[in-house]
């Protein structure tokens, strides 16, 4: 009887910690994206409790090197841009993504702010990682838009509706379409923008992954307004993206 009870307790403990992993969150603090980051960290804290993972938060890249990144199964770039990185951090990140070795990456919004900004040079490797793009413009007057899921079989898209609306987004545009160089998971229908705007791309991918890299990776353009974390579809998307990037199940089998 005692032996059976002990076995059950061990099994329950094993199952309850089946998703255990460690995440690194690199955040951009201050400025117009501060409310989104604050809301995101609070939401991620709740997600971690449910899915049994832990995370560390850093606000710059000073600590990042090969050994530091090796501690983490997923790297979450929460609006931190592809500039102001130390040379050591940039080199370690490139290796982490290119070689995989059990790690994954989820990037949000500002992660594609590619170009010469604030006196920093263009990070050409990161541009290639994101499909060879360069940031061009954004919808300064926040608008809503309908996102269409293109690859319903991808784990990051599990349990998402075929379409869902995202409110109050900046919707970045780029100098070229990343589609030829990445695997697009979802796009925004610019004809649904409300209010209307002339800042458009035509075919406009907003969620994609680069299968040329060994690390599981996914970029999510939407990440400006804190109310995103009140959007059930966005919550499912972010949950799935993190679990998939960490090599975990995104739904019950």
Protein backbone atom coordinates (compact mmCIF):
# COMPACT_ATOMS: atom_id res chain seq x y z
CA UNK A 1 0.00 0.00 0.00
CA UNK A 2 2.75 2.45 1.00
CA UNK A 3 4.82 1.36 -1.99
CA UNK A 4 1.90 1.97 -4.36
CA UNK A 5 1.24 5.38 -2.83
CA UNK A 6 4.91 6.30 -3.20
CA UNK A 7 4.86 5.27 -6.86
CA UNK A 8 1.78 7.38 -7.48
CA UNK A 9 3.37 10.42 -5.83
CA UNK A 10 6.52 10.01 -7.91
CA UNK A 11 4.45 9.67 -11.08
CA UNK A 12 2.36 12.74 -10.22
CA UNK A 13 5.47 14.76 -9.53
CA UNK A 14 7.04 13.64 -12.80
CA UNK A 15 3.96 14.55 -14.81
CA UNK A 16 3.49 17.91 -13.10
CA UNK A 17 7.06 18.91 -14.01
CA UNK A 18 7.07 17.43 -17.51
CA UNK A 19 7.40 20.85 -19.16
CA UNK A 20 10.25 22.09 -16.96
CA UNK A 21 12.76 24.32 -18.75
CA UNK A 22 14.61 27.57 -18.25
CA UNK A 23 14.03 30.74 -20.30
CA UNK A 24 16.01 33.94 -20.73
CA UNK A 25 13.99 37.11 -21.35
CA UNK A 26 15.77 40.12 -22.83
CA UNK A 27 13.55 43.18 -22.39
CA UNK A 28 13.54 46.71 -23.71
CA UNK A 29 12.65 48.99 -20.80
CA UNK A 30 11.36 52.55 -20.91
CA UNK A 31 9.82 54.45 -23.79
CA UNK A 32 6.57 53.71 -25.54
CA UNK A 33 6.89 49.93 -25.22
CA UNK A 34 7.29 49.91 -21.44
CA UNK A 35 3.58 49.18 -20.75
CA UNK A 36 3.67 46.19 -23.12
CA UNK A 37 6.82 44.80 -21.49
CA UNK A 38 5.40 45.23 -17.98
CA UNK A 39 2.18 43.46 -18.97
CA UNK A 40 4.16 40.79 -20.79
CA UNK A 41 6.37 39.96 -17.82
CA UNK A 42 3.36 39.67 -15.52
CA UNK A 43 1.62 37.38 -18.02
CA UNK A 44 4.77 35.29 -18.50
CA UNK A 45 5.02 34.86 -14.75
CA UNK A 46 1.57 33.28 -14.75
CA UNK A 47 2.41 31.15 -17.79
CA UNK A 48 5.57 29.88 -16.11
CA UNK A 49 3.58 28.80 -13.06
CA UNK A 50 1.16 26.80 -15.20
CA UNK A 51 3.75 25.17 -17.45
CA UNK A 52 6.45 24.65 -14.85
CA UNK A 53 9.33 26.68 -16.22
CA UNK A 54 11.53 29.37 -14.76
CA UNK A 55 12.96 32.48 -16.34
CA UNK A 56 15.56 35.16 -15.79
CA UNK A 57 15.12 38.74 -17.00
CA UNK A 58 17.91 40.99 -18.31
CA UNK A 59 17.57 44.50 -19.72
CA UNK A 60 20.79 44.64 -21.74
CA UNK A 61 23.19 42.17 -23.35
CA UNK A 62 26.19 42.68 -21.05
CA UNK A 63 25.96 39.19 -19.50
CA UNK A 64 25.44 37.29 -22.74
CA UNK A 65 28.16 34.93 -23.96
CA UNK A 66 28.28 31.28 -25.02
CA UNK A 67 28.31 29.90 -21.48
CA UNK A 68 25.51 32.17 -20.33
CA UNK A 69 23.18 31.21 -23.19
CA UNK A 70 23.94 27.52 -22.70
CA UNK A 71 21.91 27.66 -19.46
CA UNK A 72 18.67 28.35 -21.32
CA UNK A 73 16.36 26.26 -23.49
CA UNK A 74 14.63 29.32 -24.94
CA UNK A 75 15.67 32.93 -25.50
CA UNK A 76 12.77 35.42 -25.52
CA UNK A 77 13.57 38.77 -27.11
CA UNK A 78 10.76 40.86 -25.63
CA UNK A 79 10.93 43.97 -27.84
CA UNK A 80 14.68 44.37 -27.47
CA UNK A 81 16.01 45.68 -30.82
CA UNK A 82 18.82 44.20 -32.95
CA UNK A 83 21.28 46.92 -31.93
CA UNK A 84 23.06 48.06 -28.74
CA UNK A 85 24.30 44.47 -28.34
CA UNK A 86 27.89 43.91 -27.22
CA UNK A 87 30.10 42.18 -29.80
CA UNK A 88 30.44 39.17 -27.51
CA UNK A 89 26.66 38.91 -27.08
CA UNK A 90 26.01 39.21 -30.82
CA UNK A 91 28.53 36.46 -31.62
CA UNK A 92 27.09 34.17 -28.92
CA UNK A 93 23.54 34.76 -30.15
CA UNK A 94 24.48 33.98 -33.75
CA UNK A 95 26.03 30.70 -32.63
CA UNK A 96 23.05 29.88 -30.38
CA UNK A 97 20.62 30.30 -33.29
CA UNK A 98 22.74 28.82 -36.08
CA UNK A 99 23.83 25.70 -34.17
CA UNK A 100 20.73 25.06 -32.06
CA UNK A 101 22.12 22.68 -29.44
CA UNK A 102 18.77 22.44 -27.67
CA UNK A 103 17.95 26.14 -27.55
CA UNK A 104 15.14 28.09 -29.23
CA UNK A 105 14.16 31.73 -29.78
CA UNK A 106 10.98 33.83 -29.72
CA UNK A 107 11.25 37.43 -30.90
CA UNK A 108 8.63 40.14 -30.59
CA UNK A 109 7.94 43.38 -32.45
CA UNK A 110 11.09 45.52 -32.01
CA UNK A 111 13.29 42.52 -32.84
CA UNK A 112 12.97 43.46 -36.55
CA UNK A 113 13.90 47.12 -36.11
CA UNK A 114 16.76 46.52 -38.52
CA UNK A 115 18.82 49.39 -39.88
CA UNK A 116 21.13 52.11 -38.64
CA UNK A 117 19.45 53.40 -35.50
CA UNK A 118 20.81 55.48 -32.64
CA UNK A 119 24.28 55.48 -34.15
CA UNK A 120 24.56 51.69 -34.38
CA UNK A 121 25.39 49.84 -37.61
CA UNK A 122 23.13 47.41 -39.41
CA UNK A 123 23.38 43.84 -38.07
CA UNK A 124 23.53 42.02 -41.39
CA UNK A 125 23.42 38.53 -39.88
CA UNK A 126 20.24 39.35 -37.97
CA UNK A 127 18.70 40.77 -41.14
CA UNK A 128 19.40 37.47 -42.90
CA UNK A 129 17.95 35.58 -39.94
CA UNK A 130 14.73 37.58 -40.34
CA UNK A 131 14.52 36.92 -44.08
CA UNK A 132 16.88 39.54 -45.50
CA UNK A 133 14.70 42.46 -44.49
CA UNK A 134 15.34 46.00 -43.39
CA UNK A 135 12.83 48.02 -41.36
CA UNK A 136 11.08 50.63 -43.50
CA UNK A 137 8.06 52.16 -41.78
CA UNK A 138 5.27 51.61 -39.27
CA UNK A 139 1.66 52.55 -38.73
CA UNK A 140 2.17 55.40 -36.29
CA UNK A 141 -1.58 55.80 -35.80
CA UNK A 142 -2.36 52.47 -34.17
CA UNK A 143 -4.87 50.38 -36.09
CA UNK A 144 -6.58 47.02 -35.78
CA UNK A 145 -6.11 44.29 -38.36
CA UNK A 146 -7.22 40.74 -39.03
CA UNK A 147 -4.47 38.13 -38.89
CA UNK A 148 -4.85 35.01 -41.04
CA UNK A 149 -3.19 31.76 -40.00
CA UNK A 150 -1.40 30.24 -43.01
CA UNK A 151 0.13 27.09 -41.53
CA UNK A 152 -2.47 25.57 -39.24
CA UNK A 153 -0.33 22.46 -38.67
CA UNK A 154 2.63 24.26 -37.15
CA UNK A 155 2.78 23.71 -33.36
CA UNK A 156 2.81 27.47 -32.71
CA UNK A 157 -0.56 27.72 -34.48
CA UNK A 158 -2.29 24.94 -32.52
CA UNK A 159 -5.73 25.88 -31.16
CA UNK A 160 -5.75 29.26 -32.90
CA UNK A 161 -8.78 30.34 -34.95
CA UNK A 162 -8.29 30.62 -38.71
CA UNK A 163 -8.36 34.40 -38.29
CA UNK A 164 -8.18 36.72 -35.30
CA UNK A 165 -8.19 40.46 -34.80
CA UNK A 166 -5.31 42.37 -33.21
CA UNK A 167 -6.13 45.87 -31.94
CA UNK A 168 -3.89 48.93 -31.60
CA UNK A 169 -0.82 47.69 -33.43
CA UNK A 170 1.97 49.58 -35.23
CA UNK A 171 2.27 46.99 -38.06
CA UNK A 172 5.86 47.36 -39.26
CA UNK A 173 6.65 47.36 -42.97
CA UNK A 174 9.96 46.33 -44.52
CA UNK A 175 12.02 47.14 -47.60
CA UNK A 176 11.19 43.71 -49.00
CA UNK A 177 8.89 40.80 -48.29
CA UNK A 178 10.61 38.17 -46.09
CA UNK A 179 8.40 35.38 -47.49
CA UNK A 180 10.91 33.99 -50.05
CA UNK A 181 13.47 33.42 -47.28
CA UNK A 182 11.35 32.27 -44.33
CA UNK A 183 8.38 30.04 -43.57
CA UNK A 184 5.38 32.29 -43.01
CA UNK A 185 2.92 31.12 -40.35
CA UNK A 186 0.49 34.06 -40.48
CA UNK A 187 -0.08 37.36 -42.26
CA UNK A 188 -2.21 40.43 -41.72
CA UNK A 189 -4.96 41.37 -44.18
CA UNK A 190 -4.24 45.05 -44.78
CA UNK A 191 -7.73 45.57 -46.25
CA UNK A 192 -9.09 45.08 -42.71
CA UNK A 193 -7.04 47.90 -41.16
CA UNK A 194 -9.24 50.15 -39.04
CA UNK A 195 -8.81 53.05 -39.35
CA UNK A 196 -7.38 52.90 -42.86
CA UNK A 197 -3.74 53.76 -43.48
CA UNK A 198 -1.47 54.24 -46.49
CA UNK A 199 1.41 52.46 -44.70
CA UNK A 200 1.05 49.05 -46.32
CA UNK A 201 3.11 46.23 -47.86
CA UNK A 202 0.54 44.25 -49.83
CA UNK A 203 1.44 40.68 -48.89
CA UNK A 204 2.31 41.26 -45.25
CA UNK A 205 3.71 38.36 -43.17
CA UNK A 206 3.55 38.98 -39.41
CA UNK A 207 4.56 35.61 -37.92
CA UNK A 208 7.32 33.48 -39.37
CA UNK A 209 10.14 31.06 -38.70
CA UNK A 210 13.49 30.56 -40.44
CA UNK A 211 13.97 26.81 -41.08
CA UNK A 212 17.55 27.39 -42.27
CA UNK A 213 18.58 27.86 -38.63
CA UNK A 214 19.01 24.79 -36.40
CA UNK A 215 17.46 26.50 -33.38
CA UNK A 216 13.67 26.50 -33.28
CA UNK A 217 12.77 30.13 -33.89
CA UNK A 218 9.68 32.27 -34.36
CA UNK A 219 9.14 35.98 -34.86
CA UNK A 220 5.86 37.67 -33.88
CA UNK A 221 5.42 41.22 -35.18
CA UNK A 222 2.56 42.11 -32.83
CA UNK A 223 3.89 43.47 -29.56
CA UNK A 224 3.10 47.13 -29.03
CA UNK A 225 0.08 47.57 -26.77
CA UNK A 226 -0.36 45.95 -23.32
CA UNK A 227 -3.96 45.06 -24.14
CA UNK A 228 -2.60 42.30 -26.39
CA UNK A 229 -2.40 40.15 -23.27
CA UNK A 230 -6.17 40.46 -22.94
CA UNK A 231 -6.57 38.91 -26.40
CA UNK A 232 -7.21 35.14 -26.02
CA UNK A 233 -5.80 34.31 -29.46
CA UNK A 234 -2.61 36.26 -28.77
CA UNK A 235 -2.20 34.48 -25.45
CA UNK A 236 -2.51 31.08 -27.14
CA UNK A 237 -0.03 32.17 -29.80
CA UNK A 238 2.60 33.34 -27.31
CA UNK A 239 2.14 30.26 -25.12
CA UNK A 240 2.54 27.97 -28.12
CA UNK A 241 5.53 29.87 -29.47
CA UNK A 242 7.44 29.66 -26.19
CA UNK A 243 6.67 25.99 -25.55
CA UNK A 244 7.54 25.02 -29.13
CA UNK A 245 10.77 27.02 -29.12
CA UNK A 246 11.70 25.29 -25.86
CA UNK A 247 11.06 21.89 -27.43
CA UNK A 248 7.90 21.20 -25.42
CA UNK A 249 4.39 20.14 -26.36
CA UNK A 250 1.96 22.92 -27.25
CA UNK A 251 -1.18 20.87 -26.66
CA UNK A 252 -2.27 17.79 -24.81
CA UNK A 253 -1.70 14.55 -26.70
